């Protein structure tokens, strides 16, 4: 039976990805460790991209009315 993939914590994955990038940029890792860190970074990137795609789909579903998608400008600071 296939296991259901648990949802990722986007913020935690992003923070871990930033730490991986910092370790790689320092240049103090061996080639083998650098490759392993790079591989882990690619995996984290894919997980984050998937989470963002899911969030975008949810937003589109929430904005859909009467079978038509209505685009609305994003205003991060709504007026009171």
PDB file of N, CA and C in Angstrom:
ATOM      1  N   UNK A   1       0.846  -1.171   0.000  1.00  0.00           N
ATOM      2  CA  UNK A   1       0.000   0.000   0.000  1.00  0.00           C
ATOM      3  C   UNK A   1       0.896   1.240   0.000  1.00  0.00           C
ATOM      4  N   UNK A   2       0.566   2.219  -0.859  1.00  0.00           N
ATOM      5  CA  UNK A   2       1.361   3.434  -0.957  1.00  0.00           C
ATOM      6  C   UNK A   2       1.117   4.317   0.260  1.00  0.00           C
ATOM      7  N   UNK A   3       2.200   4.895   0.747  1.00  0.00           N
ATOM      8  CA  UNK A   3       2.071   5.811   1.878  1.00  0.00           C
ATOM      9  C   UNK A   3       1.682   7.182   1.369  1.00  0.00           C
ATOM     10  N   UNK A   4       0.821   7.837   2.105  1.00  0.00           N
ATOM     11  CA  UNK A   4       0.430   9.193   1.764  1.00  0.00           C
ATOM     12  C   UNK A   4       1.534  10.138   2.232  1.00  0.00           C
ATOM     13  N   UNK A   5       1.964  11.015   1.319  1.00  0.00           N
ATOM     14  CA  UNK A   5       3.019  11.961   1.661  1.00  0.00           C
ATOM     15  C   UNK A   5       2.467  13.009   2.617  1.00  0.00           C
ATOM     16  N   UNK A   6       3.176  13.228   3.711  1.00  0.00           N
ATOM     17  CA  UNK A   6       2.730  14.214   4.693  1.00  0.00           C
ATOM     18  C   UNK A   6       3.000  15.613   4.151  1.00  0.00           C
ATOM     19  N   UNK A   7       2.113  16.557   4.438  1.00  0.00           N
ATOM     20  CA  UNK A   7       2.325  17.918   3.946  1.00  0.00           C
ATOM     21  C   UNK A   7       3.567  18.529   4.591  1.00  0.00           C
ATOM     22  N   UNK A   8       4.259  19.322   3.801  1.00  0.00           N
ATOM     23  CA  UNK A   8       5.479  19.936   4.334  1.00  0.00           C
ATOM     24  C   UNK A   8       5.140  21.244   5.028  1.00  0.00           C
ATOM     25  N   UNK A   9       5.986  21.629   5.932  1.00  0.00           N
ATOM     26  CA  UNK A   9       5.903  22.937   6.557  1.00  0.00           C
ATOM     27  C   UNK A   9       6.751  23.864   5.682  1.00  0.00           C
ATOM     28  N   UNK A  10       6.080  24.703   4.897  1.00  0.00           N
ATOM     29  CA  UNK A  10       6.771  25.535   3.912  1.00  0.00           C
ATOM     30  C   UNK A  10       7.856  26.395   4.556  1.00  0.00           C
ATOM     31  N   UNK A  11       7.519  27.069   5.635  1.00  0.00           N
ATOM     32  CA  UNK A  11       8.487  27.969   6.272  1.00  0.00           C
ATOM     33  C   UNK A  11       9.704  27.203   6.795  1.00  0.00           C
ATOM     34  N   UNK A  12       9.468  26.034   7.354  1.00  0.00           N
ATOM     35  CA  UNK A  12      10.576  25.225   7.868  1.00  0.00           C
ATOM     36  C   UNK A  12      11.465  24.748   6.711  1.00  0.00           C
ATOM     37  N   UNK A  13      10.836  24.312   5.620  1.00  0.00           N
ATOM     38  CA  UNK A  13      11.606  23.855   4.464  1.00  0.00           C
ATOM     39  C   UNK A  13      12.401  24.991   3.846  1.00  0.00           C
ATOM     40  N   UNK A  14      11.800  26.172   3.775  1.00  0.00           N
ATOM     41  CA  UNK A  14      12.497  27.325   3.211  1.00  0.00           C
ATOM     42  C   UNK A  14      13.693  27.712   4.078  1.00  0.00           C
ATOM     43  N   UNK A  15      13.511  27.689   5.391  1.00  0.00           N
ATOM     44  CA  UNK A  15      14.616  28.007   6.297  1.00  0.00           C
ATOM     45  C   UNK A  15      15.741  26.976   6.157  1.00  0.00           C
ATOM     46  N   UNK A  16      15.371  25.713   6.019  1.00  0.00           N
ATOM     47  CA  UNK A  16      16.374  24.659   5.847  1.00  0.00           C
ATOM     48  C   UNK A  16      17.106  24.842   4.518  1.00  0.00           C
ATOM     49  N   UNK A  17      16.369  25.227   3.481  1.00  0.00           N
ATOM     50  CA  UNK A  17      16.989  25.473   2.178  1.00  0.00           C
ATOM     51  C   UNK A  17      17.982  26.628   2.265  1.00  0.00           C
ATOM     52  N   UNK A  18      17.621  27.678   2.976  1.00  0.00           N
ATOM     53  CA  UNK A  18      18.534  28.810   3.147  1.00  0.00           C
ATOM     54  C   UNK A  18      19.801  28.385   3.883  1.00  0.00           C
ATOM     55  N   UNK A  19      19.661  27.508   4.871  1.00  0.00           N
ATOM     56  CA  UNK A  19      20.828  27.012   5.607  1.00  0.00           C
ATOM     57  C   UNK A  19      21.726  26.181   4.687  1.00  0.00           C
ATOM     58  N   UNK A  20      21.126  25.379   3.823  1.00  0.00           N
ATOM     59  CA  UNK A  20      21.899  24.563   2.878  1.00  0.00           C
ATOM     60  C   UNK A  20      22.680  25.479   1.939  1.00  0.00           C
ATOM     61  N   UNK A  21      22.021  26.509   1.433  1.00  0.00           N
ATOM     62  CA  UNK A  21      22.689  27.451   0.522  1.00  0.00           C
ATOM     63  C   UNK A  21      23.865  28.124   1.225  1.00  0.00           C
ATOM     64  N   UNK A  22      23.684  28.537   2.468  1.00  0.00           N
ATOM     65  CA  UNK A  22      24.770  29.172   3.219  1.00  0.00           C
ATOM     66  C   UNK A  22      25.954  28.223   3.381  1.00  0.00           C
ATOM     67  N   UNK A  23      25.653  26.953   3.698  1.00  0.00           N
ATOM     68  CA  UNK A  23      26.732  25.968   3.854  1.00  0.00           C
ATOM     69  C   UNK A  23      27.493  25.789   2.543  1.00  0.00           C
ATOM     70  N   UNK A  24      26.751  25.758   1.437  1.00  0.00           N
ATOM     71  CA  UNK A  24      27.403  25.594   0.134  1.00  0.00           C
ATOM     72  C   UNK A  24      28.227  26.831  -0.231  1.00  0.00           C
ATOM     73  N   UNK A  25      27.712  28.002   0.076  1.00  0.00           N
ATOM     74  CA  UNK A  25      28.414  29.237  -0.250  1.00  0.00           C
ATOM     75  C   UNK A  25      29.689  29.414   0.560  1.00  0.00           C
ATOM     76  N   UNK A  26      29.727  28.856   1.764  1.00  0.00           N
ATOM     77  CA  UNK A  26      30.929  28.962   2.599  1.00  0.00           C
ATOM     78  C   UNK A  26      32.118  28.267   1.958  1.00  0.00           C
ATOM     79  N   UNK A  27      31.860  27.238   1.165  1.00  0.00           N
ATOM     80  CA  UNK A  27      32.935  26.542   0.469  1.00  0.00           C
ATOM     81  C   UNK A  27      33.794  25.663   1.348  1.00  0.00           C
ATOM     82  N   UNK A  28      33.336  25.357   2.542  1.00  0.00           N
ATOM     83  CA  UNK A  28      34.144  24.559   3.464  1.00  0.00           C
ATOM     84  C   UNK A  28      33.772  23.080   3.440  1.00  0.00           C
ATOM     85  N   UNK A  29      32.776  22.701   2.625  1.00  0.00           N
ATOM     86  CA  UNK A  29      32.359  21.300   2.551  1.00  0.00           C
ATOM     87  C   UNK A  29      33.223  20.551   1.550  1.00  0.00           C
ATOM     88  N   UNK A  30      33.391  19.278   1.805  1.00  0.00           N
ATOM     89  CA  UNK A  30      34.093  18.439   0.834  1.00  0.00           C
ATOM     90  C   UNK A  30      33.212  18.298  -0.402  1.00  0.00           C
ATOM     91  N   UNK A  31      33.786  17.793  -1.475  1.00  0.00           N
ATOM     92  CA  UNK A  31      33.016  17.613  -2.702  1.00  0.00           C
ATOM     93  C   UNK A  31      31.831  16.688  -2.459  1.00  0.00           C
ATOM     94  N   UNK A  32      32.065  15.600  -1.749  1.00  0.00           N
ATOM     95  CA  UNK A  32      30.996  14.636  -1.467  1.00  0.00           C
ATOM     96  C   UNK A  32      29.891  15.269  -0.619  1.00  0.00           C
ATOM     97  N   UNK A  33      30.282  16.016   0.402  1.00  0.00           N
ATOM     98  CA  UNK A  33      29.298  16.690   1.251  1.00  0.00           C
ATOM     99  C   UNK A  33      28.555  17.784   0.482  1.00  0.00           C
ATOM    100  N   UNK A  34      29.266  18.474  -0.414  1.00  0.00           N
ATOM    101  CA  UNK A  34      28.635  19.503  -1.234  1.00  0.00           C
ATOM    102  C   UNK A  34      27.580  18.893  -2.150  1.00  0.00           C
ATOM    103  N   UNK A  35      27.902  17.770  -2.756  1.00  0.00           N
ATOM    104  CA  UNK A  35      26.939  17.111  -3.633  1.00  0.00           C
ATOM    105  C   UNK A  35      25.714  16.634  -2.859  1.00  0.00           C
ATOM    106  N   UNK A  36      25.936  16.104  -1.669  1.00  0.00           N
ATOM    107  CA  UNK A  36      24.815  15.650  -0.838  1.00  0.00           C
ATOM    108  C   UNK A  36      23.949  16.841  -0.419  1.00  0.00           C
ATOM    109  N   UNK A  37      24.589  17.946  -0.048  1.00  0.00           N
ATOM    110  CA  UNK A  37      23.843  19.140   0.346  1.00  0.00           C
ATOM    111  C   UNK A  37      23.069  19.705  -0.846  1.00  0.00           C
ATOM    112  N   UNK A  38      23.704  19.702  -2.019  1.00  0.00           N
ATOM    113  CA  UNK A  38      23.032  20.184  -3.227  1.00  0.00           C
ATOM    114  C   UNK A  38      21.812  19.324  -3.542  1.00  0.00           C
ATOM    115  N   UNK A  39      21.962  18.017  -3.447  1.00  0.00           N
ATOM    116  CA  UNK A  39      20.852  17.100  -3.704  1.00  0.00           C
ATOM    117  C   UNK A  39      19.703  17.359  -2.724  1.00  0.00           C
ATOM    118  N   UNK A  40      20.042  17.566  -1.466  1.00  0.00           N
ATOM    119  CA  UNK A  40      19.016  17.858  -0.454  1.00  0.00           C
ATOM    120  C   UNK A  40      18.347  19.204  -0.761  1.00  0.00           C
ATOM    121  N   UNK A  41      19.132  20.180  -1.199  1.00  0.00           N
ATOM    122  CA  UNK A  41      18.592  21.487  -1.555  1.00  0.00           C
ATOM    123  C   UNK A  41      17.614  21.396  -2.722  1.00  0.00           C
ATOM    124  N   UNK A  42      17.941  20.570  -3.712  1.00  0.00           N
ATOM    125  CA  UNK A  42      17.039  20.375  -4.854  1.00  0.00           C
ATOM    126  C   UNK A  42      15.723  19.766  -4.376  1.00  0.00           C
ATOM    127  N   UNK A  43      15.806  18.798  -3.481  1.00  0.00           N
ATOM    128  CA  UNK A  43      14.597  18.165  -2.937  1.00  0.00           C
ATOM    129  C   UNK A  43      13.742  19.184  -2.181  1.00  0.00           C
ATOM    130  N   UNK A  44      14.382  20.003  -1.374  1.00  0.00           N
ATOM    131  CA  UNK A  44      13.656  21.041  -0.635  1.00  0.00           C
ATOM    132  C   UNK A  44      13.013  22.049  -1.593  1.00  0.00           C
ATOM    133  N   UNK A  45      13.733  22.410  -2.645  1.00  0.00           N
ATOM    134  CA  UNK A  45      13.202  23.350  -3.633  1.00  0.00           C
ATOM    135  C   UNK A  45      11.945  22.785  -4.279  1.00  0.00           C
ATOM    136  N   UNK A  46      11.993  21.520  -4.656  1.00  0.00           N
ATOM    137  CA  UNK A  46      10.823  20.887  -5.280  1.00  0.00           C
ATOM    138  C   UNK A  46       9.645  20.829  -4.310  1.00  0.00           C
ATOM    139  N   UNK A  47       9.927  20.531  -3.048  1.00  0.00           N
ATOM    140  CA  UNK A  47       8.861  20.497  -2.043  1.00  0.00           C
ATOM    141  C   UNK A  47       8.221  21.878  -1.892  1.00  0.00           C
ATOM    142  N   UNK A  48       9.057  22.918  -1.831  1.00  0.00           N
ATOM    143  CA  UNK A  48       8.545  24.280  -1.683  1.00  0.00           C
ATOM    144  C   UNK A  48       7.739  24.698  -2.910  1.00  0.00           C
ATOM    145  N   UNK A  49       8.223  24.361  -4.088  1.00  0.00           N
ATOM    146  CA  UNK A  49       7.490  24.690  -5.313  1.00  0.00           C
ATOM    147  C   UNK A  49       6.140  23.992  -5.340  1.00  0.00           C
ATOM    148  N   UNK A  50       6.100  22.746  -4.884  1.00  0.00           N
ATOM    149  CA  UNK A  50       4.842  22.014  -4.828  1.00  0.00           C
ATOM    150  C   UNK A  50       3.865  22.650  -3.855  1.00  0.00           C
ATOM    151  N   UNK A  51       4.374  23.079  -2.707  1.00  0.00           N
ATOM    152  CA  UNK A  51       3.517  23.724  -1.706  1.00  0.00           C
ATOM    153  C   UNK A  51       2.967  25.038  -2.247  1.00  0.00           C
ATOM    154  N   UNK A  52       3.796  25.798  -2.968  1.00  0.00           N
ATOM    155  CA  UNK A  52       3.337  27.055  -3.554  1.00  0.00           C
ATOM    156  C   UNK A  52       2.289  26.803  -4.639  1.00  0.00           C
ATOM    157  N   UNK A  53       2.482  25.773  -5.430  1.00  0.00           N
ATOM    158  CA  UNK A  53       1.505  25.439  -6.471  1.00  0.00           C
ATOM    159  C   UNK A  53       0.165  25.049  -5.854  1.00  0.00           C
ATOM    160  N   UNK A  54       0.205  24.284  -4.767  1.00  0.00           N
ATOM    161  CA  UNK A  54      -1.033  23.908  -4.076  1.00  0.00           C
ATOM    162  C   UNK A  54      -1.738  25.141  -3.512  1.00  0.00           C
ATOM    163  N   UNK A  55      -0.971  26.050  -2.945  1.00  0.00           N
ATOM    164  CA  UNK A  55      -1.559  27.270  -2.391  1.00  0.00           C
ATOM    165  C   UNK A  55      -2.206  28.094  -3.500  1.00  0.00           C
ATOM    166  N   UNK A  56      -1.545  28.171  -4.647  1.00  0.00           N
ATOM    167  CA  UNK A  56      -2.100  28.918  -5.770  1.00  0.00           C
ATOM    168  C   UNK A  56      -3.406  28.290  -6.254  1.00  0.00           C
ATOM    169  N   UNK A  57      -3.464  26.962  -6.289  1.00  0.00           N
ATOM    170  CA  UNK A  57      -4.684  26.277  -6.698  1.00  0.00           C
ATOM    171  C   UNK A  57      -5.818  26.565  -5.718  1.00  0.00           C
ATOM    172  N   UNK A  58      -5.518  26.566  -4.437  1.00  0.00           N
ATOM    173  CA  UNK A  58      -6.543  26.861  -3.434  1.00  0.00           C
ATOM    174  C   UNK A  58      -7.082  28.275  -3.592  1.00  0.00           C
ATOM    175  N   UNK A  59      -6.179  29.225  -3.871  1.00  0.00           N
ATOM    176  CA  UNK A  59      -6.604  30.610  -4.069  1.00  0.00           C
ATOM    177  C   UNK A  59      -7.501  30.705  -5.292  1.00  0.00           C
ATOM    178  N   UNK A  60      -7.149  30.024  -6.371  1.00  0.00           N
ATOM    179  CA  UNK A  60      -7.974  30.049  -7.572  1.00  0.00           C
ATOM    180  C   UNK A  60      -9.353  29.466  -7.306  1.00  0.00           C
ATOM    181  N   UNK A  61      -9.417  28.388  -6.545  1.00  0.00           N
ATOM    182  CA  UNK A  61     -10.704  27.781  -6.208  1.00  0.00           C
ATOM    183  C   UNK A  61     -11.541  28.756  -5.383  1.00  0.00           C
ATOM    184  N   UNK A  62     -10.914  29.439  -4.443  1.00  0.00           N
ATOM    185  CA  UNK A  62     -11.639  30.377  -3.599  1.00  0.00           C
ATOM    186  C   UNK A  62     -12.153  31.584  -4.381  1.00  0.00           C
ATOM    187  N   UNK A  63     -11.445  31.973  -5.436  1.00  0.00           N
ATOM    188  CA  UNK A  63     -11.850  33.127  -6.220  1.00  0.00           C
ATOM    189  C   UNK A  63     -12.875  32.773  -7.302  1.00  0.00           C
ATOM    190  N   UNK A  64     -13.055  31.479  -7.547  1.00  0.00           N
ATOM    191  CA  UNK A  64     -13.960  31.060  -8.614  1.00  0.00           C
ATOM    192  C   UNK A  64     -15.411  31.280  -8.183  1.00  0.00           C
ATOM    193  N   UNK A  65     -16.153  31.933  -9.049  1.00  0.00           N
ATOM    194  CA  UNK A  65     -17.567  32.193  -8.784  1.00  0.00           C
ATOM    195  C   UNK A  65     -18.357  31.880 -10.049  1.00  0.00           C
ATOM    196  N   UNK A  66     -19.453  31.187  -9.921  1.00  0.00           N
ATOM    197  CA  UNK A  66     -20.337  30.875 -11.039  1.00  0.00           C
ATOM    198  C   UNK A  66     -19.599  30.238 -12.207  1.00  0.00           C
ATOM    199  N   UNK A  67     -18.621  29.402 -11.911  1.00  0.00           N
ATOM    200  CA  UNK A  67     -17.896  28.694 -12.961  1.00  0.00           C
ATOM    201  C   UNK A  67     -16.868  29.529 -13.694  1.00  0.00           C
ATOM    202  N   UNK A  68     -16.688  30.772 -13.315  1.00  0.00           N
ATOM    203  CA  UNK A  68     -15.702  31.614 -13.971  1.00  0.00           C
ATOM    204  C   UNK A  68     -14.715  32.149 -12.941  1.00  0.00           C
ATOM    205  N   UNK A  69     -13.482  32.164 -13.337  1.00  0.00           N
ATOM    206  CA  UNK A  69     -12.436  32.672 -12.454  1.00  0.00           C
ATOM    207  C   UNK A  69     -12.383  34.177 -12.583  1.00  0.00           C
ATOM    208  N   UNK A  70     -12.486  34.849 -11.471  1.00  0.00           N
ATOM    209  CA  UNK A  70     -12.403  36.307 -11.453  1.00  0.00           C
ATOM    210  C   UNK A  70     -11.068  36.701 -10.834  1.00  0.00           C
ATOM    211  N   UNK A  71     -10.239  37.303 -11.640  1.00  0.00           N
ATOM    212  CA  UNK A  71      -8.957  37.761 -11.108  1.00  0.00           C
ATOM    213  C   UNK A  71      -9.177  39.041 -10.328  1.00  0.00           C
ATOM    214  N   UNK A  72      -8.531  39.109  -9.173  1.00  0.00           N
ATOM    215  CA  UNK A  72      -8.631  40.279  -8.334  1.00  0.00           C
ATOM    216  C   UNK A  72      -7.228  40.715  -7.957  1.00  0.00           C
ATOM    217  N   UNK A  73      -6.962  42.002  -7.960  1.00  0.00           N
ATOM    218  CA  UNK A  73      -5.624  42.450  -7.571  1.00  0.00           C
ATOM    219  C   UNK A  73      -5.367  42.148  -6.103  1.00  0.00           C
ATOM    220  N   UNK A  74      -4.142  41.804  -5.826  1.00  0.00           N
ATOM    221  CA  UNK A  74      -3.751  41.509  -4.453  1.00  0.00           C
ATOM    222  C   UNK A  74      -3.377  42.802  -3.758  1.00  0.00           C
ATOM    223  N   UNK A  75      -4.013  43.064  -2.649  1.00  0.00           N
ATOM    224  CA  UNK A  75      -3.716  44.239  -1.843  1.00  0.00           C
ATOM    225  C   UNK A  75      -3.277  43.762  -0.467  1.00  0.00           C
ATOM    226  N   UNK A  76      -1.964  43.745  -0.187  1.00  0.00           N
ATOM    227  CA  UNK A  76      -1.498  43.217   1.101  1.00  0.00           C
ATOM    228  C   UNK A  76      -1.928  44.061   2.293  1.00  0.00           C
ATOM    229  N   UNK A  77      -2.282  45.316   2.049  1.00  0.00           N
ATOM    230  CA  UNK A  77      -2.704  46.191   3.137  1.00  0.00           C
ATOM    231  C   UNK A  77      -4.090  46.739   2.825  1.00  0.00           C
ATOM    232  N   UNK A  78      -5.147  45.975   3.162  1.00  0.00           N
ATOM    233  CA  UNK A  78      -6.483  46.467   2.875  1.00  0.00           C
ATOM    234  C   UNK A  78      -6.777  47.731   3.668  1.00  0.00           C
ATOM    235  N   UNK A  79      -7.511  48.613   3.019  1.00  0.00           N
ATOM    236  CA  UNK A  79      -7.847  49.874   3.682  1.00  0.00           C
ATOM    237  C   UNK A  79      -8.930  49.642   4.717  1.00  0.00           C
ATOM    238  N   UNK A  80      -8.809  50.296   5.860  1.00  0.00           N
ATOM    239  CA  UNK A  80      -9.768  50.110   6.956  1.00  0.00           C
ATOM    240  C   UNK A  80     -11.003  50.947   6.764  1.00  0.00           C
TER     241      UNK A  80
END
